[in-house]
Amino acid sequence: MPAQNAKNLDTIKKDLEANVGRKIKLRANRGRRRMIEAEGVLEQTYPKLFVVKLDKSNAVRRLSYTYADVLTETVEITIGDKQIGAAL
């Protein structure tokens, strides 16, 4: 099963790398029934995580998440009509 997860992580990483600079919708579970929903731009991808720059002038202007967060559905990313990491 770990080989399947590695394949899914690679797929998620490639999907996000292909969309750097594009507008995304983000929905993240912050624990204890706290959800954050935001829109922003996928700013940068790194080997283990990615960074989202938020559009609104909130106290937090950038958020970073790991690809595993997307795989475990802690974070849901939508680019246009396509949801990244869903139904792999």
PDB file of N, CA and C in Angstrom:
ATOM      1  N   MET A   1       0.799  -1.207   0.000  1.00  0.00           N
ATOM      2  CA  MET A   1       0.000   0.000   0.000  1.00  0.00           C
ATOM      3  C   MET A   1       0.846   1.277   0.000  1.00  0.00           C
ATOM      4  N   PRO A   2       2.029   1.317   0.639  1.00  0.00           N
ATOM      5  CA  PRO A   2       2.828   2.534   0.588  1.00  0.00           C
ATOM      6  C   PRO A   2       3.206   2.944  -0.832  1.00  0.00           C
ATOM      7  N   ALA A   3       3.398   1.984  -1.720  1.00  0.00           N
ATOM      8  CA  ALA A   3       3.723   2.326  -3.111  1.00  0.00           C
ATOM      9  C   ALA A   3       2.560   3.076  -3.761  1.00  0.00           C
ATOM     10  N   GLN A   4       1.337   2.697  -3.433  1.00  0.00           N
ATOM     11  CA  GLN A   4       0.163   3.386  -3.972  1.00  0.00           C
ATOM     12  C   GLN A   4       0.104   4.818  -3.453  1.00  0.00           C
ATOM     13  N   ASN A   5       0.388   5.023  -2.158  1.00  0.00           N
ATOM     14  CA  ASN A   5       0.397   6.369  -1.597  1.00  0.00           C
ATOM     15  C   ASN A   5       1.475   7.226  -2.225  1.00  0.00           C
ATOM     16  N   ALA A   6       2.641   6.671  -2.482  1.00  0.00           N
ATOM     17  CA  ALA A   6       3.723   7.414  -3.122  1.00  0.00           C
ATOM     18  C   ALA A   6       3.307   7.856  -4.516  1.00  0.00           C
ATOM     19  N   LYS A   7       2.629   6.975  -5.234  1.00  0.00           N
ATOM     20  CA  LYS A   7       2.156   7.327  -6.574  1.00  0.00           C
ATOM     21  C   LYS A   7       1.149   8.470  -6.494  1.00  0.00           C
ATOM     22  N   ASN A   8       0.257   8.407  -5.523  1.00  0.00           N
ATOM     23  CA  ASN A   8      -0.727   9.463  -5.367  1.00  0.00           C
ATOM     24  C   ASN A   8      -0.072  10.782  -4.968  1.00  0.00           C
ATOM     25  N   LEU A   9       0.930  10.740  -4.089  1.00  0.00           N
ATOM     26  CA  LEU A   9       1.636  11.958  -3.709  1.00  0.00           C
ATOM     27  C   LEU A   9       2.328  12.582  -4.912  1.00  0.00           C
ATOM     28  N   ASP A  10       2.946  11.749  -5.749  1.00  0.00           N
ATOM     29  CA  ASP A  10       3.595  12.255  -6.959  1.00  0.00           C
ATOM     30  C   ASP A  10       2.583  12.890  -7.904  1.00  0.00           C
ATOM     31  N   THR A  11       1.421  12.277  -8.032  1.00  0.00           N
ATOM     32  CA  THR A  11       0.373  12.822  -8.895  1.00  0.00           C
ATOM     33  C   THR A  11      -0.107  14.171  -8.378  1.00  0.00           C
ATOM     34  N   ILE A  12      -0.322  14.262  -7.076  1.00  0.00           N
ATOM     35  CA  ILE A  12      -0.759  15.525  -6.471  1.00  0.00           C
ATOM     36  C   ILE A  12       0.307  16.595  -6.692  1.00  0.00           C
ATOM     37  N   LYS A  13       1.565  16.244  -6.462  1.00  0.00           N
ATOM     38  CA  LYS A  13       2.665  17.199  -6.629  1.00  0.00           C
ATOM     39  C   LYS A  13       2.741  17.695  -8.072  1.00  0.00           C
ATOM     40  N   LYS A  14       2.643  16.788  -9.030  1.00  0.00           N
ATOM     41  CA  LYS A  14       2.699  17.185 -10.444  1.00  0.00           C
ATOM     42  C   LYS A  14       1.520  18.065 -10.831  1.00  0.00           C
ATOM     43  N   ASP A  15       0.313  17.722 -10.334  1.00  0.00           N
ATOM     44  CA  ASP A  15      -0.865  18.552 -10.618  1.00  0.00           C
ATOM     45  C   ASP A  15      -0.682  19.966 -10.081  1.00  0.00           C
ATOM     46  N   LEU A  16      -0.152  20.088  -8.876  1.00  0.00           N
ATOM     47  CA  LEU A  16       0.056  21.411  -8.299  1.00  0.00           C
ATOM     48  C   LEU A  16       1.182  22.166  -9.000  1.00  0.00           C
ATOM     49  N   GLU A  17       2.260  21.479  -9.340  1.00  0.00           N
ATOM     50  CA  GLU A  17       3.364  22.135 -10.052  1.00  0.00           C
ATOM     51  C   GLU A  17       2.904  22.695 -11.395  1.00  0.00           C
ATOM     52  N   ALA A  18       1.998  22.002 -12.045  1.00  0.00           N
ATOM     53  CA  ALA A  18       1.497  22.447 -13.347  1.00  0.00           C
ATOM     54  C   ALA A  18       0.595  23.671 -13.228  1.00  0.00           C
ATOM     55  N   ASN A  19       0.150  23.983 -12.011  1.00  0.00           N
ATOM     56  CA  ASN A  19      -0.788  25.089 -11.818  1.00  0.00           C
ATOM     57  C   ASN A  19      -0.223  26.223 -10.974  1.00  0.00           C
ATOM     58  N   VAL A  20       1.091  26.305 -10.840  1.00  0.00           N
ATOM     59  CA  VAL A  20       1.708  27.404 -10.092  1.00  0.00           C
ATOM     60  C   VAL A  20       1.350  28.723 -10.770  1.00  0.00           C
ATOM     61  N   GLY A  21       0.926  29.690  -9.964  1.00  0.00           N
ATOM     62  CA  GLY A  21       0.539  30.994 -10.498  1.00  0.00           C
ATOM     63  C   GLY A  21      -0.946  31.114 -10.790  1.00  0.00           C
ATOM     64  N   ARG A  22      -1.675  30.029 -10.696  1.00  0.00           N
ATOM     65  CA  ARG A  22      -3.117  30.054 -10.970  1.00  0.00           C
ATOM     66  C   ARG A  22      -3.907  30.268  -9.695  1.00  0.00           C
ATOM     67  N   LYS A  23      -5.108  30.799  -9.867  1.00  0.00           N
ATOM     68  CA  LYS A  23      -6.002  31.048  -8.738  1.00  0.00           C
ATOM     69  C   LYS A  23      -6.604  29.723  -8.270  1.00  0.00           C
ATOM     70  N   ILE A  24      -6.652  29.520  -6.948  1.00  0.00           N
ATOM     71  CA  ILE A  24      -7.197  28.293  -6.379  1.00  0.00           C
ATOM     72  C   ILE A  24      -8.160  28.612  -5.253  1.00  0.00           C
ATOM     73  N   LYS A  25      -9.008  27.639  -4.952  1.00  0.00           N
ATOM     74  CA  LYS A  25      -9.867  27.695  -3.773  1.00  0.00           C
ATOM     75  C   LYS A  25      -9.351  26.649  -2.805  1.00  0.00           C
ATOM     76  N   LEU A  26      -9.264  27.025  -1.550  1.00  0.00           N
ATOM     77  CA  LEU A  26      -8.673  26.193  -0.528  1.00  0.00           C
ATOM     78  C   LEU A  26      -9.676  25.993   0.602  1.00  0.00           C
ATOM     79  N   ARG A  27      -9.785  24.761   1.059  1.00  0.00           N
ATOM     80  CA  ARG A  27     -10.612  24.455   2.226  1.00  0.00           C
ATOM     81  C   ARG A  27      -9.795  23.521   3.106  1.00  0.00           C
ATOM     82  N   ALA A  28      -9.504  23.982   4.327  1.00  0.00           N
ATOM     83  CA  ALA A  28      -8.616  23.218   5.202  1.00  0.00           C
ATOM     84  C   ALA A  28      -9.252  22.995   6.563  1.00  0.00           C
ATOM     85  N   ASN A  29      -9.068  21.789   7.078  1.00  0.00           N
ATOM     86  CA  ASN A  29      -9.537  21.439   8.409  1.00  0.00           C
ATOM     87  C   ASN A  29      -8.450  21.837   9.399  1.00  0.00           C
ATOM     88  N   ARG A  30      -8.761  22.769  10.299  1.00  0.00           N
ATOM     89  CA  ARG A  30      -7.793  23.256  11.276  1.00  0.00           C
ATOM     90  C   ARG A  30      -7.961  22.581  12.638  1.00  0.00           C
ATOM     91  N   GLY A  31      -8.816  21.559  12.720  1.00  0.00           N
ATOM     92  CA  GLY A  31      -9.024  20.823  13.965  1.00  0.00           C
ATOM     93  C   GLY A  31     -10.113  21.431  14.814  1.00  0.00           C
ATOM     94  N   ARG A  32     -10.708  20.607  15.664  1.00  0.00           N
ATOM     95  CA  ARG A  32     -11.775  21.037  16.580  1.00  0.00           C
ATOM     96  C   ARG A  32     -12.874  21.827  15.881  1.00  0.00           C
ATOM     97  N   ARG A  33     -13.336  21.274  14.797  1.00  0.00           N
ATOM     98  CA  ARG A  33     -14.444  21.841  14.017  1.00  0.00           C
ATOM     99  C   ARG A  33     -14.152  23.206  13.411  1.00  0.00           C
ATOM    100  N   ARG A  34     -12.898  23.576  13.308  1.00  0.00           N
ATOM    101  CA  ARG A  34     -12.540  24.841  12.672  1.00  0.00           C
ATOM    102  C   ARG A  34     -12.122  24.567  11.233  1.00  0.00           C
ATOM    103  N   MET A  35     -12.774  25.222  10.324  1.00  0.00           N
ATOM    104  CA  MET A  35     -12.454  25.099   8.905  1.00  0.00           C
ATOM    105  C   MET A  35     -12.051  26.472   8.393  1.00  0.00           C
ATOM    106  N   ILE A  36     -11.080  26.486   7.504  1.00  0.00           N
ATOM    107  CA  ILE A  36     -10.704  27.725   6.838  1.00  0.00           C
ATOM    108  C   ILE A  36     -11.020  27.561   5.364  1.00  0.00           C
ATOM    109  N   GLU A  37     -11.718  28.539   4.809  1.00  0.00           N
ATOM    110  CA  GLU A  37     -12.006  28.566   3.377  1.00  0.00           C
ATOM    111  C   GLU A  37     -11.437  29.862   2.838  1.00  0.00           C
ATOM    112  N   ALA A  38     -10.633  29.757   1.805  1.00  0.00           N
ATOM    113  CA  ALA A  38      -9.976  30.944   1.267  1.00  0.00           C
ATOM    114  C   ALA A  38      -9.725  30.767  -0.226  1.00  0.00           C
ATOM    115  N   GLU A  39      -9.494  31.888  -0.874  1.00  0.00           N
ATOM    116  CA  GLU A  39      -9.085  31.900  -2.271  1.00  0.00           C
ATOM    117  C   GLU A  39      -7.740  32.579  -2.344  1.00  0.00           C
ATOM    118  N   GLY A  40      -6.920  32.097  -3.235  1.00  0.00           N
ATOM    119  CA  GLY A  40      -5.598  32.682  -3.379  1.00  0.00           C
ATOM    120  C   GLY A  40      -4.913  32.186  -4.629  1.00  0.00           C
ATOM    121  N   VAL A  41      -3.626  32.402  -4.671  1.00  0.00           N
ATOM    122  CA  VAL A  41      -2.805  32.002  -5.815  1.00  0.00           C
ATOM    123  C   VAL A  41      -1.791  30.970  -5.325  1.00  0.00           C
ATOM    124  N   LEU A  42      -1.670  29.890  -6.070  1.00  0.00           N
ATOM    125  CA  LEU A  42      -0.644  28.891  -5.760  1.00  0.00           C
ATOM    126  C   LEU A  42       0.703  29.523  -6.101  1.00  0.00           C
ATOM    127  N   GLU A  43       1.425  29.905  -5.065  1.00  0.00           N
ATOM    128  CA  GLU A  43       2.626  30.717  -5.256  1.00  0.00           C
ATOM    129  C   GLU A  43       3.857  29.899  -5.609  1.00  0.00           C
ATOM    130  N   GLN A  44       4.093  28.795  -4.879  1.00  0.00           N
ATOM    131  CA  GLN A  44       5.327  28.043  -5.079  1.00  0.00           C
ATOM    132  C   GLN A  44       5.132  26.607  -4.623  1.00  0.00           C
ATOM    133  N   THR A  45       5.844  25.681  -5.270  1.00  0.00           N
ATOM    134  CA  THR A  45       5.865  24.297  -4.805  1.00  0.00           C
ATOM    135  C   THR A  45       7.298  23.952  -4.428  1.00  0.00           C
ATOM    136  N   TYR A  46       7.422  23.133  -3.413  1.00  0.00           N
ATOM    137  CA  TYR A  46       8.708  22.664  -2.918  1.00  0.00           C
ATOM    138  C   TYR A  46       8.643  21.141  -2.864  1.00  0.00           C
ATOM    139  N   PRO A  47       9.775  20.472  -2.593  1.00  0.00           N
ATOM    140  CA  PRO A  47       9.751  19.001  -2.581  1.00  0.00           C
ATOM    141  C   PRO A  47       8.740  18.379  -1.617  1.00  0.00           C
ATOM    142  N   LYS A  48       8.476  19.008  -0.488  1.00  0.00           N
ATOM    143  CA  LYS A  48       7.573  18.413   0.499  1.00  0.00           C
ATOM    144  C   LYS A  48       6.323  19.234   0.775  1.00  0.00           C
ATOM    145  N   LEU A  49       6.250  20.488   0.303  1.00  0.00           N
ATOM    146  CA  LEU A  49       5.092  21.328   0.597  1.00  0.00           C
ATOM    147  C   LEU A  49       4.848  22.330  -0.515  1.00  0.00           C
ATOM    148  N   PHE A  50       3.719  23.030  -0.402  1.00  0.00           N
ATOM    149  CA  PHE A  50       3.375  24.086  -1.349  1.00  0.00           C
ATOM    150  C   PHE A  50       2.866  25.294  -0.582  1.00  0.00           C
ATOM    151  N   VAL A  51       2.964  26.481  -1.203  1.00  0.00           N
ATOM    152  CA  VAL A  51       2.608  27.736  -0.551  1.00  0.00           C
ATOM    153  C   VAL A  51       1.491  28.409  -1.342  1.00  0.00           C
ATOM    154  N   VAL A  52       0.473  28.892  -0.607  1.00  0.00           N
ATOM    155  CA  VAL A  52      -0.648  29.597  -1.203  1.00  0.00           C
ATOM    156  C   VAL A  52      -0.645  31.025  -0.674  1.00  0.00           C
ATOM    157  N   LYS A  53      -0.663  32.001  -1.573  1.00  0.00           N
ATOM    158  CA  LYS A  53      -0.743  33.409  -1.192  1.00  0.00           C
ATOM    159  C   LYS A  53      -2.213  33.813  -1.235  1.00  0.00           C
ATOM    160  N   LEU A  54      -2.739  34.263  -0.099  1.00  0.00           N
ATOM    161  CA  LEU A  54      -4.154  34.607  -0.008  1.00  0.00           C
ATOM    162  C   LEU A  54      -4.442  35.945  -0.674  1.00  0.00           C
ATOM    163  N   ASP A  55      -5.660  36.062  -1.238  1.00  0.00           N
ATOM    164  CA  ASP A  55      -6.069  37.291  -1.905  1.00  0.00           C
ATOM    165  C   ASP A  55      -6.452  38.378  -0.909  1.00  0.00           C
ATOM    166  N   LYS A  56      -7.181  38.010   0.115  1.00  0.00           N
ATOM    167  CA  LYS A  56      -7.691  39.000   1.061  1.00  0.00           C
ATOM    168  C   LYS A  56      -6.587  39.447   2.010  1.00  0.00           C
ATOM    169  N   SER A  57      -6.764  40.638   2.557  1.00  0.00           N
ATOM    170  CA  SER A  57      -5.754  41.167   3.478  1.00  0.00           C
ATOM    171  C   SER A  57      -6.047  40.686   4.898  1.00  0.00           C
ATOM    172  N   ASN A  58      -5.872  39.402   5.117  1.00  0.00           N
ATOM    173  CA  ASN A  58      -6.034  38.816   6.445  1.00  0.00           C
ATOM    174  C   ASN A  58      -4.729  38.987   7.221  1.00  0.00           C
ATOM    175  N   ALA A  59      -4.741  38.600   8.474  1.00  0.00           N
ATOM    176  CA  ALA A  59      -3.522  38.646   9.278  1.00  0.00           C
ATOM    177  C   ALA A  59      -2.489  37.668   8.708  1.00  0.00           C
ATOM    178  N   VAL A  60      -2.952  36.521   8.223  1.00  0.00           N
ATOM    179  CA  VAL A  60      -2.061  35.550   7.591  1.00  0.00           C
ATOM    180  C   VAL A  60      -2.152  35.744   6.081  1.00  0.00           C
ATOM    181  N   ARG A  61      -1.040  36.004   5.453  1.00  0.00           N
ATOM    182  CA  ARG A  61      -1.065  36.276   4.016  1.00  0.00           C
ATOM    183  C   ARG A  61      -0.636  35.081   3.177  1.00  0.00           C
ATOM    184  N   ARG A  62       0.108  34.152   3.796  1.00  0.00           N
ATOM    185  CA  ARG A  62       0.554  32.952   3.084  1.00  0.00           C
ATOM    186  C   ARG A  62       0.297  31.737   3.971  1.00  0.00           C
ATOM    187  N   LEU A  63      -0.120  30.661   3.336  1.00  0.00           N
ATOM    188  CA  LEU A  63      -0.325  29.398   4.035  1.00  0.00           C
ATOM    189  C   LEU A  63       0.480  28.329   3.325  1.00  0.00           C
ATOM    190  N   SER A  64       1.026  27.403   4.083  1.00  0.00           N
ATOM    191  CA  SER A  64       1.744  26.300   3.468  1.00  0.00           C
ATOM    192  C   SER A  64       1.182  24.979   3.984  1.00  0.00           C
ATOM    193  N   TYR A  65       1.131  24.016   3.088  1.00  0.00           N
ATOM    194  CA  TYR A  65       0.607  22.692   3.403  1.00  0.00           C
ATOM    195  C   TYR A  65       1.487  21.657   2.713  1.00  0.00           C
ATOM    196  N   THR A  66       1.424  20.440   3.206  1.00  0.00           N
ATOM    197  CA  THR A  66       2.164  19.353   2.577  1.00  0.00           C
ATOM    198  C   THR A  66       1.262  18.647   1.568  1.00  0.00           C
ATOM    199  N   TYR A  67       1.878  17.896   0.686  1.00  0.00           N
ATOM    200  CA  TYR A  67       1.105  17.111  -0.280  1.00  0.00           C
ATOM    201  C   TYR A  67       0.319  16.019   0.442  1.00  0.00           C
ATOM    202  N   ALA A  68       0.838  15.541   1.561  1.00  0.00           N
ATOM    203  CA  ALA A  68       0.129  14.526   2.353  1.00  0.00           C
ATOM    204  C   ALA A  68      -1.172  15.084   2.919  1.00  0.00           C
ATOM    205  N   ASP A  69      -1.219  16.391   3.212  1.00  0.00           N
ATOM    206  CA  ASP A  69      -2.468  17.011   3.675  1.00  0.00           C
ATOM    207  C   ASP A  69      -3.555  16.889   2.608  1.00  0.00           C
ATOM    208  N   VAL A  70      -3.174  17.024   1.360  1.00  0.00           N
ATOM    209  CA  VAL A  70      -4.135  16.885   0.257  1.00  0.00           C
ATOM    210  C   VAL A  70      -4.534  15.418   0.110  1.00  0.00           C
ATOM    211  N   LEU A  71      -3.571  14.516   0.223  1.00  0.00           N
ATOM    212  CA  LEU A  71      -3.832  13.085   0.094  1.00  0.00           C
ATOM    213  C   LEU A  71      -4.808  12.604   1.171  1.00  0.00           C
ATOM    214  N   THR A  72      -4.647  13.069   2.403  1.00  0.00           N
ATOM    215  CA  THR A  72      -5.508  12.651   3.510  1.00  0.00           C
ATOM    216  C   THR A  72      -6.788  13.474   3.595  1.00  0.00           C
ATOM    217  N   GLU A  73      -6.975  14.387   2.655  1.00  0.00           N
ATOM    218  CA  GLU A  73      -8.160  15.235   2.558  1.00  0.00           C
ATOM    219  C   GLU A  73      -8.319  16.172   3.746  1.00  0.00           C
ATOM    220  N   THR A  74      -7.220  16.504   4.417  1.00  0.00           N
ATOM    221  CA  THR A  74      -7.223  17.559   5.425  1.00  0.00           C
ATOM    222  C   THR A  74      -7.337  18.904   4.725  1.00  0.00           C
ATOM    223  N   VAL A  75      -6.788  18.976   3.518  1.00  0.00           N
ATOM    224  CA  VAL A  75      -6.852  20.170   2.685  1.00  0.00           C
ATOM    225  C   VAL A  75      -7.472  19.782   1.353  1.00  0.00           C
ATOM    226  N   GLU A  76      -8.452  20.572   0.919  1.00  0.00           N
ATOM    227  CA  GLU A  76      -9.082  20.363  -0.392  1.00  0.00           C
ATOM    228  C   GLU A  76      -8.718  21.546  -1.279  1.00  0.00           C
ATOM    229  N   ILE A  77      -8.160  21.259  -2.439  1.00  0.00           N
ATOM    230  CA  ILE A  77      -7.746  22.283  -3.396  1.00  0.00           C
ATOM    231  C   ILE A  77      -8.609  22.159  -4.643  1.00  0.00           C
ATOM    232  N   THR A  78      -9.173  23.278  -5.077  1.00  0.00           N
ATOM    233  CA  THR A  78      -9.957  23.309  -6.310  1.00  0.00           C
ATOM    234  C   THR A  78      -9.367  24.361  -7.233  1.00  0.00           C
ATOM    235  N   ILE A  79      -9.045  23.948  -8.443  1.00  0.00           N
ATOM    236  CA  ILE A  79      -8.530  24.854  -9.463  1.00  0.00           C
ATOM    237  C   ILE A  79      -9.515  24.811 -10.613  1.00  0.00           C
ATOM    238  N   GLY A  80     -10.204  25.913 -10.834  1.00  0.00           N
ATOM    239  CA  GLY A  80     -11.275  25.931 -11.833  1.00  0.00           C
ATOM    240  C   GLY A  80     -12.376  24.980 -11.395  1.00  0.00           C
ATOM    241  N   ASP A  81     -12.667  23.970 -12.206  1.00  0.00           N
ATOM    242  CA  ASP A  81     -13.671  22.971 -11.849  1.00  0.00           C
ATOM    243  C   ASP A  81     -13.040  21.663 -11.367  1.00  0.00           C
ATOM    244  N   LYS A  82     -11.725  21.598 -11.363  1.00  0.00           N
ATOM    245  CA  LYS A  82     -11.015  20.376 -11.025  1.00  0.00           C
ATOM    246  C   LYS A  82     -10.568  20.382  -9.562  1.00  0.00           C
ATOM    247  N   GLN A  83     -10.898  19.321  -8.844  1.00  0.00           N
ATOM    248  CA  GLN A  83     -10.429  19.185  -7.471  1.00  0.00           C
ATOM    249  C   GLN A  83      -9.164  18.343  -7.481  1.00  0.00           C
ATOM    250  N   ILE A  84      -8.092  18.866  -6.897  1.00  0.00           N
ATOM    251  CA  ILE A  84      -6.802  18.182  -6.864  1.00  0.00           C
ATOM    252  C   ILE A  84      -6.822  17.118  -5.765  1.00  0.00           C
ATOM    253  N   GLY A  85      -6.355  15.919  -6.092  1.00  0.00           N
ATOM    254  CA  GLY A  85      -6.235  14.859  -5.115  1.00  0.00           C
ATOM    255  C   GLY A  85      -7.489  14.052  -4.889  1.00  0.00           C
ATOM    256  N   ALA A  86      -8.582  14.402  -5.497  1.00  0.00           N
ATOM    257  CA  ALA A  86      -9.844  13.703  -5.283  1.00  0.00           C
ATOM    258  C   ALA A  86      -9.951  12.512  -6.232  1.00  0.00           C
ATOM    259  N   ALA A  87     -10.464  11.425  -5.738  1.00  0.00           N
ATOM    260  CA  ALA A  87     -10.777  10.227  -6.534  1.00  0.00           C
ATOM    261  C   ALA A  87      -9.579   9.717  -7.330  1.00  0.00           C
ATOM    262  N   LEU A  88      -8.474   9.560  -6.632  1.00  0.00           N
ATOM    263  CA  LEU A  88      -7.282   9.040  -7.321  1.00  0.00           C
ATOM    264  C   LEU A  88      -7.327   7.542  -7.402  1.00  0.00           C
TER     265      LEU A  88
END
